[in-house]
Every structure is written in C-alpha cells, then in structure tokens.
Amino acid sequence: MNQFLFKKIDNAQLVVFRVFYGLLVSAECYGAIATGWVRRTLVEPKFTFSFIGFEWLQPLPGSGMYIYFAIMGTLGVLITLGYRYRFSAFVFAILWTGVYLMQKTSYNNHYYLLMLLSYIMAFFPANRDFSLDAKQNPSIRSTTMHNWIRWAIILQLFIVYTYASVAKLYGDWLDFSIIEILMKSKADYYLIGDLLQEKWVHQIVAFFGIFYDLLVVPALLWKPTRKVAFAFSIFFHLFNSIVFQIGIFPYLSLAFIVFFFPPETIRNIFLKRKSAETVNTPVIPKNRNLIVSVLSIYFIAQLLLPLRHHTFHDDVLWTEEGHRLSWRMMLRSRAGSIRVKAVNKETGKMEVIKLGDHLTKKQRRKVSCYPDFTWQFAQYLKKEYAKKGEDIQVFVENKVKVNQGKFHEFIDPEVDLASVPWKHFGHNEWILPSQAEE
C-alpha cells in the first residue's frame, strides 16, 4: 500500500490540470455575471431557496453578488498563475460553497462536483511547478508528487460516472421517454433542433449515456482503449455543451483526462521546457496515517451518500428525498400545480397566496413540484406574516407528475406546512405516497 500510495510520480498532470481548472472557474464566474445568471438567480429574487439549515446564507444586497463573483473570477486567474495558490484556492472553495448553499433553484450536480473539487485542489500541491509561487520561492519547486494524489482524482471521477450510469437503469430512461422530454425543449435549436426530436437519436443518447458513464474511466485507464475513450469523451462532452448548455463542466470533464495519460506525455505537450525527476522508491510522509484516514473517510462518504435514498420511504423520483449529492443527473422532469392558502390562527381568515408576488417564474415552478421548496416557502410566508403581527397556518393543494406520468396529489392538504419540521434523515410523512403503479 505504501509503495502504491506514496511513490513519487511526475506532477505534470496536476500542474497542467491546475491551469485548466483556474481558467475554467474564472470563465464560470465572469460568465455568470455576463450572461445574467447572477442577476436572475441571486439579485432579482426577493429571497433565495438555500439548502435547509443554511437559511442565514442569503445573497449580498445591491451589487454585492456581482462583486462576489468578480472576486471568485479573479481568484480563478490567480489559481491559473499559481500565485499565492493555497490562499487563492481555499478562498475560492469557501466562496463557491457559499454560492452552492445559498441557492438551489438552479441546482446542478456539477456545482456540487466543483465544490468538492475546489477543496481537493486547495489541499493538493498544484503550485510546485509552472507557477509564480515556485518562481518567487524556488525552495518549493518540485516536479514530483505522491501517487495517491492522481488516484484520488480518478476515484472521485469513477464514483461520479458509475453512479450516474447506474441511476439511468430505470424504466423512463430505458424506454427513452425522459430523453424525449429533455429534447422537446431543444426543438428550436439551429440546424440540430429537428434532428434531436428523432426517436433513433433518443435511443442513441440513452444507451450511449449509460455505457459511456459506466466504461469511460476504465477505458481511459487501459492503454489499448485510451485514445478511443478520449475521442468518445470529446464527442460526449461537446454534445452536452451544445445541447444542454451546462457551462464549463463539459470542458472541466475533458480537462480531467490529463490524469489518464502518462505524465511524460502531458509534460512533453504542455511543459516542454521543464524536466522531471525520477523517483522509484516511496517517500513516506510523517502524516501518512492522517492522509490515509482522511482519504478513507472522504471516499466512504462519497460511496454512501448516493445510496441514502434507499433508506427513505417511497421512490426518490417521486419524493425527491435523497436526490441531491447522488449524481442522479438529467433523470427526470417534474411538473406541478399548486394552490397555497394562509389561514390566520386567531381569526380563521383564509387568503390564497399569489405566488407571483413573492417568487420568480423559475422559483414558482420549483415550489409547485419539489417538496423542500414548498416547505421552505411555507416557512417564508410564516415569517412574512409574523412581521405584520399575524400567526398563520399554511396549507397547499398540490398535484405533481413525474416525466410522462399522470398528475397525482403530492402534499397532504390537511397538514400545516408552517408548523411541521423538515426531516433531513427520514421521510416527511406529509409527502403523499407515489401512485406509479396506477
């Protein structure tokens, strides 16, 4: 184990990835400002739906969030340059975590992956070469790293892709109906819009998605299939970028591939003027036990988190409990109708809430069919009425459909959502049972 984990290898893969990573997160942050994502998601809403338990994390007022993202973009540039790398990488990780936790209306599994990666990169010695830090302080310069660093990245990717593949093995993916739903919104795409509506395209997308996610990491690790897997990766990620428009993440996924090619190949392509040291014997660090313990705990958690929905009652596709943090990517489409009523506890007066007075269009869609959003909106209303001296109950009449299924009652209309607690580690009984068997 020591020989495998702690032998010294060429660090060209990590150094080159740091440059790609910094450029991409910088583009993500500056791009979020330029495309209006920050305005739509964090500035215009009256309040944001944070992760439950992090309600205190709300967007900065005025131009605060534009400055916030500009700072993150600048930190990305510093990461690219390897300037004050530890500070830049850790601060970026903390700031990105803040963005991730303060809003989930635009939740994306890739945002979660970037949060994990940002902390991983902050701990890794990615500034030991080809960096301003190494230029200003030659004593830190090194062209080697421990082998466990490379394999930590590979194992993280293996977990992500494998769970993403397994999650697709359910009826609505295998009969292509969810692909059809996803592609309907792409019908107006220039040149490819009509093509994306073809049944045979849906079939290719469905099976390619399953087999690519399942096999890409082993195929990249095995030399005879590496170049073929690389070619498929370029196609797969560019397709996702063009069709689904998910920001930097297809390109980040391509950047990860540097960890699968021999380091000397990466060094010859990107760092031609640098020479690498060769060390064949392991160098055991003093904190060896700490490193092994932290890695073990982290990866056990990563293996178990995606399975937690099996401990909840009912189907995760219906309840959404345990959906996040589990690499269940592009698996379902939800739609719902909702009527929210506020009832004054003292007078019994009932008022139907106009969602448009409180929520953006995207937030209204989420409140109508995602239980945690509905519950949080009830808590928000309770606080807003309390400011006016009223103590209220909140009841909802709510119907939801998943994918191409029928609409069914989703939330118990007799339950006051303003008074029930949210259960993080158990089923919320006010979510009515699924009726998929119908």
Protein backbone atom coordinates (compact mmCIF):
# COMPACT_ATOMS: atom_id res chain seq x y z
CA MET A 1 0.00 0.00 0.00
CA ASN A 2 2.83 2.40 0.87
CA GLN A 3 4.54 1.59 -2.41
CA PHE A 4 1.37 2.39 -4.34
CA LEU A 5 0.15 5.47 -2.47
CA PHE A 6 3.40 7.19 -1.63
CA LYS A 7 5.71 6.52 -4.53
CA LYS A 8 6.77 9.72 -6.26
CA ILE A 9 5.50 10.35 -9.77
CA ASP A 10 5.79 13.21 -12.23
CA ASN A 11 3.41 16.02 -11.20
CA ALA A 12 2.84 17.31 -14.74
CA GLN A 13 -0.76 16.06 -14.72
CA LEU A 14 -1.66 18.02 -11.59
CA VAL A 15 0.19 21.16 -12.67
CA VAL A 16 -1.44 21.26 -16.10
CA PHE A 17 -4.85 20.49 -14.62
CA ARG A 18 -4.41 23.42 -12.21
CA VAL A 19 -4.04 25.77 -15.18
CA PHE A 20 -7.17 24.38 -16.88
CA TYR A 21 -9.09 24.40 -13.60
CA GLY A 22 -8.22 28.02 -12.85
CA LEU A 23 -9.12 29.19 -16.35
CA LEU A 24 -12.44 27.35 -16.29
CA VAL A 25 -13.61 28.53 -12.86
CA SER A 26 -12.64 32.05 -13.83
CA ALA A 27 -14.72 31.73 -17.01
CA GLU A 28 -17.62 30.28 -14.98
CA CYS A 29 -17.66 33.19 -12.53
CA TYR A 30 -17.15 36.02 -15.00
CA GLY A 31 -19.57 34.29 -17.36
CA ALA A 32 -22.24 34.10 -14.65
CA ILE A 33 -22.14 37.88 -14.48
CA ALA A 34 -22.02 38.43 -18.25
CA THR A 35 -24.87 36.05 -19.09
CA GLY A 36 -27.18 37.43 -16.41
CA TRP A 37 -27.14 34.26 -14.29
CA VAL A 38 -26.13 36.22 -11.18
CA ARG A 39 -28.87 38.79 -11.80
CA ARG A 40 -31.62 36.21 -12.43
CA THR A 41 -30.62 33.82 -9.67
CA LEU A 42 -29.23 35.94 -6.86
CA VAL A 43 -30.18 39.58 -7.41
CA GLU A 44 -33.76 39.69 -8.71
CA PRO A 45 -35.43 37.18 -6.32
CA LYS A 46 -36.85 38.60 -3.09
CA PHE A 47 -35.21 35.69 -1.31
CA THR A 48 -33.42 32.54 -2.35
CA PHE A 49 -34.12 28.92 -1.52
CA SER A 50 -30.97 27.94 0.32
CA PHE A 51 -30.18 24.44 1.47
CA ILE A 52 -32.32 23.77 4.52
CA GLY A 53 -30.29 24.71 7.58
CA PHE A 54 -28.41 27.43 5.71
CA GLU A 55 -31.20 29.99 5.52
CA TRP A 56 -28.81 32.55 7.00
CA LEU A 57 -26.84 32.34 3.74
CA GLN A 58 -28.64 34.91 1.62
CA PRO A 59 -27.26 36.95 -1.30
CA LEU A 60 -25.47 40.20 -0.60
CA PRO A 61 -27.60 43.31 -1.21
CA GLY A 62 -27.20 45.76 -4.08
CA SER A 63 -24.23 44.98 -6.28
CA GLY A 64 -22.75 42.66 -3.68
CA MET A 65 -23.16 39.44 -5.65
CA TYR A 66 -21.59 40.93 -8.76
CA ILE A 67 -18.54 41.84 -6.67
CA TYR A 68 -18.65 38.38 -5.05
CA PHE A 69 -18.48 36.62 -8.42
CA ALA A 70 -15.87 39.04 -9.73
CA ILE A 71 -13.68 38.15 -6.75
CA MET A 72 -14.15 34.44 -7.47
CA GLY A 73 -13.27 35.01 -11.12
CA THR A 74 -10.10 36.83 -10.10
CA LEU A 75 -9.19 34.01 -7.72
CA GLY A 76 -9.52 31.68 -10.71
CA VAL A 77 -6.91 33.75 -12.53
CA LEU A 78 -4.58 33.55 -9.51
CA ILE A 79 -5.06 29.77 -9.38
CA THR A 80 -4.13 29.57 -13.07
CA LEU A 81 -0.98 31.57 -12.45
CA GLY A 82 -0.19 29.66 -9.28
CA TYR A 83 0.11 32.91 -7.33
CA ARG A 84 -0.46 32.60 -3.59
CA TYR A 85 -2.09 29.38 -4.62
CA ARG A 86 -3.14 27.98 -1.25
CA PHE A 87 -4.84 31.20 -0.24
CA SER A 88 -6.50 31.66 -3.63
CA ALA A 89 -7.71 28.06 -3.84
CA PHE A 90 -9.07 27.92 -0.29
CA VAL A 91 -10.86 31.27 -0.53
CA PHE A 92 -12.40 30.24 -3.85
CA ALA A 93 -13.55 26.96 -2.28
CA ILE A 94 -15.21 28.80 0.61
CA LEU A 95 -16.86 31.38 -1.66
CA TRP A 96 -18.12 28.74 -4.10
CA THR A 97 -19.51 26.73 -1.17
CA GLY A 98 -21.40 29.85 -0.14
CA VAL A 99 -22.96 30.18 -3.60
CA TYR A 100 -23.79 26.48 -3.68
CA LEU A 101 -25.55 26.52 -0.30
CA MET A 102 -27.35 29.87 -0.64
CA GLN A 103 -29.44 28.86 -3.65
CA LYS A 104 -30.76 25.64 -5.13
CA THR A 105 -33.30 26.99 -7.61
CA SER A 106 -30.60 26.49 -10.24
CA TYR A 107 -29.23 23.34 -8.62
CA ASN A 108 -26.85 21.34 -10.74
CA ASN A 109 -24.87 18.23 -9.82
CA HIS A 110 -21.89 19.84 -11.47
CA TYR A 111 -21.97 22.68 -8.95
CA TYR A 112 -21.62 20.04 -6.25
CA LEU A 113 -18.71 18.42 -8.09
CA LEU A 114 -16.99 21.79 -8.38
CA MET A 115 -17.42 22.36 -4.65
CA LEU A 116 -15.75 19.03 -3.88
CA LEU A 117 -13.02 19.66 -6.43
CA SER A 118 -12.31 23.14 -5.12
CA TYR A 119 -11.39 21.76 -1.69
CA ILE A 120 -9.45 18.85 -3.19
CA MET A 121 -7.38 21.25 -5.29
CA ALA A 122 -6.83 23.58 -2.36
CA PHE A 123 -5.13 20.76 -0.44
CA PHE A 124 -3.12 19.43 -3.40
CA PRO A 125 0.40 20.83 -4.09
CA ALA A 126 -0.55 22.06 -7.55
CA ASN A 127 1.72 25.11 -7.36
CA ARG A 128 5.02 23.28 -7.02
CA ASP A 129 5.87 23.78 -10.68
CA PHE A 130 4.98 26.14 -13.54
CA SER A 131 3.72 28.76 -11.08
CA LEU A 132 4.54 32.21 -9.80
CA ASP A 133 4.81 30.74 -6.30
CA ALA A 134 7.59 28.37 -7.44
CA LYS A 135 9.31 31.19 -9.33
CA GLN A 136 9.28 33.51 -6.33
CA ASN A 137 10.15 30.76 -3.85
CA PRO A 138 12.34 28.16 -5.60
CA SER A 139 12.54 26.08 -2.41
CA ILE A 140 9.00 24.77 -3.00
CA ARG A 141 9.66 23.82 -6.61
CA SER A 142 9.25 20.14 -7.39
CA THR A 143 8.42 18.08 -10.45
CA THR A 144 7.04 15.15 -8.45
CA MET A 145 4.03 14.32 -6.30
CA HIS A 146 2.72 11.32 -4.40
CA ASN A 147 0.80 8.77 -6.44
CA TRP A 148 -2.28 8.97 -4.18
CA ILE A 149 -2.98 12.49 -5.49
CA ARG A 150 -3.55 11.26 -9.01
CA TRP A 151 -5.64 8.30 -7.86
CA ALA A 152 -7.81 10.44 -5.58
CA ILE A 153 -8.96 12.38 -8.66
CA ILE A 154 -9.51 9.19 -10.65
CA LEU A 155 -11.51 7.54 -7.85
CA GLN A 156 -13.70 10.63 -7.48
CA LEU A 157 -14.45 10.56 -11.20
CA PHE A 158 -15.13 6.82 -11.10
CA ILE A 159 -17.70 7.33 -8.35
CA VAL A 160 -19.41 10.17 -10.23
CA TYR A 161 -19.62 8.36 -13.56
CA THR A 162 -20.56 4.96 -12.13
CA TYR A 163 -23.43 6.27 -10.02
CA ALA A 164 -24.60 8.37 -12.96
CA SER A 165 -24.71 5.25 -15.13
CA VAL A 166 -26.49 3.04 -12.59
CA ALA A 167 -29.11 5.72 -11.91
CA LYS A 168 -30.09 5.64 -15.58
CA LEU A 169 -31.14 1.99 -15.34
CA TYR A 170 -34.82 2.65 -14.79
CA GLY A 171 -37.95 2.50 -16.93
CA ASP A 172 -38.31 6.05 -18.19
CA TRP A 173 -34.68 6.16 -19.34
CA LEU A 174 -34.73 2.72 -20.92
CA ASP A 175 -37.96 3.41 -22.84
CA PHE A 176 -36.46 6.77 -23.96
CA SER A 177 -39.44 8.82 -22.67
CA ILE A 178 -37.31 11.05 -20.45
CA ILE A 179 -34.93 11.67 -23.39
CA GLU A 180 -37.92 12.73 -25.48
CA ILE A 181 -38.98 15.19 -22.78
CA LEU A 182 -35.48 16.63 -22.47
CA MET A 183 -35.17 17.06 -26.23
CA LYS A 184 -38.54 18.76 -26.75
CA SER A 185 -37.14 21.98 -25.32
CA LYS A 186 -34.33 21.83 -27.89
CA ALA A 187 -36.62 21.76 -30.94
CA ASP A 188 -35.82 25.35 -31.91
CA TYR A 189 -32.04 24.80 -31.94
CA TYR A 190 -30.44 25.94 -35.18
CA LEU A 191 -29.65 23.05 -37.57
CA ILE A 192 -29.91 20.25 -34.97
CA GLY A 193 -33.32 21.02 -33.43
CA ASP A 194 -35.31 18.72 -35.70
CA LEU A 195 -32.67 16.00 -35.52
CA LEU A 196 -32.90 15.96 -31.73
CA GLN A 197 -36.59 15.03 -31.99
CA GLU A 198 -35.88 11.78 -33.84
CA LYS A 199 -36.58 8.56 -31.96
CA TRP A 200 -33.35 6.94 -33.11
CA VAL A 201 -31.39 9.88 -31.70
CA HIS A 202 -33.13 9.38 -28.34
CA GLN A 203 -32.13 5.72 -28.41
CA ILE A 204 -28.50 6.53 -29.15
CA VAL A 205 -28.40 9.20 -26.40
CA ALA A 206 -29.96 6.83 -23.86
CA PHE A 207 -27.62 3.88 -24.44
CA PHE A 208 -24.55 6.00 -25.07
CA GLY A 209 -25.18 7.80 -21.77
CA ILE A 210 -25.36 4.53 -19.83
CA PHE A 211 -22.33 2.86 -21.41
CA TYR A 212 -20.17 5.97 -21.58
CA ASP A 213 -20.64 6.74 -17.89
CA LEU A 214 -20.04 3.12 -16.93
CA LEU A 215 -16.97 2.46 -19.06
CA VAL A 216 -15.15 5.75 -19.62
CA VAL A 217 -12.89 5.65 -16.55
CA PRO A 218 -11.76 2.00 -17.05
CA ALA A 219 -11.34 2.66 -20.79
CA LEU A 220 -9.17 5.71 -20.15
CA LEU A 221 -7.05 3.76 -17.66
CA TRP A 222 -6.39 0.91 -20.11
CA LYS A 223 -3.80 1.90 -22.70
CA PRO A 224 -5.29 -0.03 -25.70
CA THR A 225 -8.65 1.80 -25.33
CA ARG A 226 -7.40 5.16 -24.05
CA LYS A 227 -7.34 7.06 -27.33
CA VAL A 228 -10.74 5.71 -28.38
CA ALA A 229 -12.19 6.69 -24.99
CA PHE A 230 -10.64 10.13 -25.38
CA ALA A 231 -12.29 10.56 -28.78
CA PHE A 232 -15.66 9.47 -27.39
CA SER A 233 -15.16 11.87 -24.48
CA ILE A 234 -14.66 14.81 -26.81
CA PHE A 235 -17.86 13.94 -28.67
CA PHE A 236 -19.86 13.27 -25.49
CA HIS A 237 -18.87 16.45 -23.68
CA LEU A 238 -19.14 18.73 -26.69
CA PHE A 239 -22.61 17.28 -27.36
CA ASN A 240 -23.59 18.05 -23.75
CA SER A 241 -22.15 21.54 -24.02
CA ILE A 242 -24.02 22.36 -27.23
CA VAL A 243 -27.33 20.66 -26.45
CA PHE A 244 -27.70 21.13 -22.70
CA GLN A 245 -25.60 24.29 -22.26
CA ILE A 246 -24.23 23.42 -18.83
CA GLY A 247 -21.42 25.95 -18.60
CA ILE A 248 -17.82 24.95 -18.02
CA PHE A 249 -18.44 21.42 -16.89
CA PRO A 250 -18.07 19.52 -20.16
CA TYR A 251 -14.70 21.24 -20.55
CA LEU A 252 -13.75 20.55 -16.94
CA SER A 253 -14.55 16.89 -17.59
CA LEU A 254 -12.23 16.94 -20.60
CA ALA A 255 -9.53 18.61 -18.51
CA PHE A 256 -9.66 15.68 -16.06
CA ILE A 257 -8.38 13.43 -18.84
CA VAL A 258 -4.83 14.69 -18.27
CA PHE A 259 -4.74 12.35 -15.26
CA PHE A 260 -5.20 9.32 -17.52
CA PHE A 261 -2.41 9.90 -19.99
CA PRO A 262 1.20 9.18 -18.98
CA PRO A 263 2.70 12.18 -17.16
CA GLU A 264 5.64 12.28 -19.55
CA THR A 265 3.16 12.70 -22.41
CA ILE A 266 1.44 15.58 -20.61
CA ARG A 267 4.80 17.14 -19.80
CA ASN A 268 6.03 16.87 -23.39
CA ILE A 269 2.87 18.50 -24.72
CA PHE A 270 2.38 21.31 -22.20
CA LEU A 271 5.66 21.74 -20.28
CA LYS A 272 8.35 21.11 -22.87
CA ARG A 273 10.93 23.30 -21.18
CA LYS A 274 10.62 21.54 -17.84
CA SER A 275 12.47 18.40 -16.81
CA ALA A 276 11.01 15.79 -14.46
CA GLU A 277 12.78 13.97 -11.65
CA THR A 278 12.52 10.21 -11.44
CA VAL A 279 11.97 8.60 -8.04
CA ASN A 280 11.30 4.87 -7.90
CA THR A 281 11.14 4.39 -4.14
CA PRO A 282 8.22 5.55 -1.96
CA VAL A 283 8.70 8.58 0.25
CA ILE A 284 6.55 8.09 3.34
CA PRO A 285 5.43 11.43 4.83
CA LYS A 286 5.22 11.92 8.59
CA ASN A 287 1.46 12.47 8.32
CA ARG A 288 0.94 9.23 6.41
CA ASN A 289 -1.73 7.94 8.82
CA LEU A 290 -3.64 11.21 8.67
CA ILE A 291 -3.64 11.18 4.87
CA VAL A 292 -4.90 7.59 4.72
CA SER A 293 -7.58 8.28 7.36
CA VAL A 294 -8.89 11.43 5.66
CA LEU A 295 -8.98 9.75 2.26
CA SER A 296 -10.77 6.71 3.68
CA ILE A 297 -13.43 8.77 5.45
CA TYR A 298 -13.96 11.03 2.44
CA PHE A 299 -14.39 8.22 -0.09
CA ILE A 300 -16.57 6.11 2.21
CA ALA A 301 -18.85 9.16 2.48
CA GLN A 302 -18.80 9.59 -1.29
CA LEU A 303 -19.76 5.95 -1.75
CA LEU A 304 -22.60 6.04 0.80
CA LEU A 305 -24.22 9.42 0.10
CA PRO A 306 -25.63 8.40 -3.30
CA LEU A 307 -27.23 5.33 -1.67
CA ARG A 308 -29.03 7.13 1.14
CA HIS A 309 -32.29 7.45 -0.79
CA HIS A 310 -32.73 3.67 -0.37
CA THR A 311 -33.18 4.27 3.36
CA PHE A 312 -36.16 6.59 2.78
CA HIS A 313 -39.75 5.57 2.23
CA ASP A 314 -41.06 5.51 -1.34
CA ASP A 315 -39.36 6.22 -4.68
CA VAL A 316 -36.79 9.03 -4.84
CA LEU A 317 -38.17 10.01 -8.26
CA TRP A 318 -41.43 10.87 -6.53
CA THR A 319 -40.39 12.21 -3.13
CA GLU A 320 -37.04 13.80 -4.18
CA GLU A 321 -35.69 12.79 -0.77
CA GLY A 322 -32.05 11.82 -1.23
CA HIS A 323 -31.87 13.06 -4.81
CA ARG A 324 -29.17 15.66 -4.34
CA LEU A 325 -25.49 14.82 -3.77
CA SER A 326 -26.01 11.47 -5.51
CA TRP A 327 -25.06 12.05 -9.16
CA ARG A 328 -28.61 11.48 -10.39
CA MET A 329 -28.10 13.62 -13.49
CA MET A 330 -30.80 14.54 -16.04
CA LEU A 331 -33.02 11.68 -14.90
CA ARG A 332 -36.45 13.20 -14.53
CA SER A 333 -38.76 16.03 -15.41
CA ARG A 334 -41.29 17.31 -12.89
CA ALA A 335 -44.36 19.50 -13.34
CA GLY A 336 -46.94 20.58 -10.83
CA SER A 337 -49.88 22.79 -9.98
CA ILE A 338 -50.26 24.34 -6.56
CA ARG A 339 -52.67 26.46 -4.54
CA VAL A 340 -51.23 27.91 -1.35
CA LYS A 341 -53.52 29.10 1.45
CA ALA A 342 -52.58 31.14 4.50
CA VAL A 343 -55.01 30.83 7.43
CA ASN A 344 -54.91 33.24 10.36
CA LYS A 345 -54.86 31.14 13.53
CA GLU A 346 -56.74 33.74 15.55
CA THR A 347 -59.48 34.86 13.15
CA GLY A 348 -59.64 31.88 10.83
CA LYS A 349 -59.45 34.20 7.83
CA MET A 350 -58.10 32.43 4.76
CA GLU A 351 -56.08 34.05 1.98
CA VAL A 352 -54.95 32.44 -1.27
CA ILE A 353 -51.35 33.39 -1.88
CA LYS A 354 -50.37 34.86 -5.23
CA LEU A 355 -47.04 33.20 -5.87
CA GLY A 356 -46.05 35.88 -8.37
CA ASP A 357 -45.98 38.45 -5.57
CA HIS A 358 -43.16 36.58 -3.88
CA LEU A 359 -41.36 34.36 -6.38
CA THR A 360 -39.69 34.46 -9.77
CA LYS A 361 -41.07 32.27 -12.56
CA LYS A 362 -38.40 29.63 -12.02
CA GLN A 363 -38.97 29.62 -8.27
CA ARG A 364 -42.72 29.17 -8.81
CA ARG A 365 -42.03 26.05 -10.89
CA LYS A 366 -39.87 24.64 -8.13
CA VAL A 367 -42.39 25.41 -5.36
CA SER A 368 -45.14 23.69 -7.33
CA CYS A 369 -43.44 20.29 -7.50
CA TYR A 370 -40.42 19.96 -5.17
CA PRO A 371 -41.29 19.27 -1.51
CA ASP A 372 -38.39 21.08 0.14
CA PHE A 373 -39.16 24.22 -1.88
CA THR A 374 -42.82 24.02 -0.89
CA TRP A 375 -41.93 23.58 2.77
CA GLN A 376 -39.43 26.44 2.70
CA PHE A 377 -41.97 28.71 1.04
CA ALA A 378 -44.38 27.95 3.89
CA GLN A 379 -41.68 28.95 6.40
CA TYR A 380 -41.05 32.14 4.43
CA LEU A 381 -44.76 33.03 4.48
CA LYS A 382 -44.96 32.38 8.21
CA LYS A 383 -42.13 34.87 8.81
CA GLU A 384 -43.58 37.46 6.43
CA TYR A 385 -46.99 37.36 8.14
CA ALA A 386 -45.32 37.44 11.57
CA LYS A 387 -43.80 40.78 10.60
CA LYS A 388 -47.39 42.04 10.29
CA GLY A 389 -48.33 40.58 13.66
CA GLU A 390 -50.20 37.56 12.25
CA ASP A 391 -49.70 33.95 13.20
CA ILE A 392 -50.69 31.74 10.27
CA GLN A 393 -51.05 28.19 9.09
CA VAL A 394 -50.06 27.27 5.55
CA PHE A 395 -51.91 24.60 3.57
CA VAL A 396 -51.34 23.58 -0.04
CA GLU A 397 -53.36 21.80 -2.68
CA ASN A 398 -50.74 20.30 -4.89
CA LYS A 399 -50.63 17.89 -7.83
CA VAL A 400 -47.42 16.67 -9.43
CA LYS A 401 -46.40 14.49 -12.32
CA VAL A 402 -43.01 12.92 -12.98
CA ASN A 403 -41.84 12.57 -16.58
CA GLN A 404 -44.78 11.48 -18.73
CA GLY A 405 -46.84 10.12 -15.85
CA LYS A 406 -50.20 11.36 -14.62
CA PHE A 407 -50.79 14.16 -12.14
CA HIS A 408 -51.34 12.90 -8.59
CA GLU A 409 -51.79 14.61 -5.25
CA PHE A 410 -48.38 15.24 -3.80
CA ILE A 411 -48.67 17.04 -0.45
CA ASP A 412 -51.26 16.29 2.21
CA PRO A 413 -53.67 19.27 2.05
CA GLU A 414 -54.57 18.81 5.75
CA VAL A 415 -51.03 19.40 7.02
CA ASP A 416 -49.93 22.85 8.14
CA LEU A 417 -46.53 23.11 6.45
CA ALA A 418 -45.64 26.16 8.51
CA SER A 419 -45.64 24.10 11.71
CA VAL A 420 -44.03 20.77 10.73
CA PRO A 421 -40.25 20.32 10.92
CA TRP A 422 -38.19 19.22 7.96
CA LYS A 423 -36.65 15.78 8.36
CA HIS A 424 -33.16 15.54 6.90
CA PHE A 425 -32.63 11.86 7.67
CA GLY A 426 -36.12 10.45 7.40
CA HIS A 427 -39.24 10.51 5.29
CA ASN A 428 -41.55 13.53 5.57
CA GLU A 429 -44.96 11.92 6.03
CA TRP A 430 -46.86 14.87 4.54
CA ILE A 431 -45.49 13.83 1.13
CA LEU A 432 -48.25 11.54 -0.11
CA PRO A 433 -47.32 8.06 -1.42
CA SER A 434 -46.49 7.67 -5.07
CA GLN A 435 -49.10 6.11 -7.29
CA ALA A 436 -46.76 4.91 -10.01
CA GLU A 437 -48.39 1.50 -10.03
CA GLU A 438 -51.52 3.11 -11.46
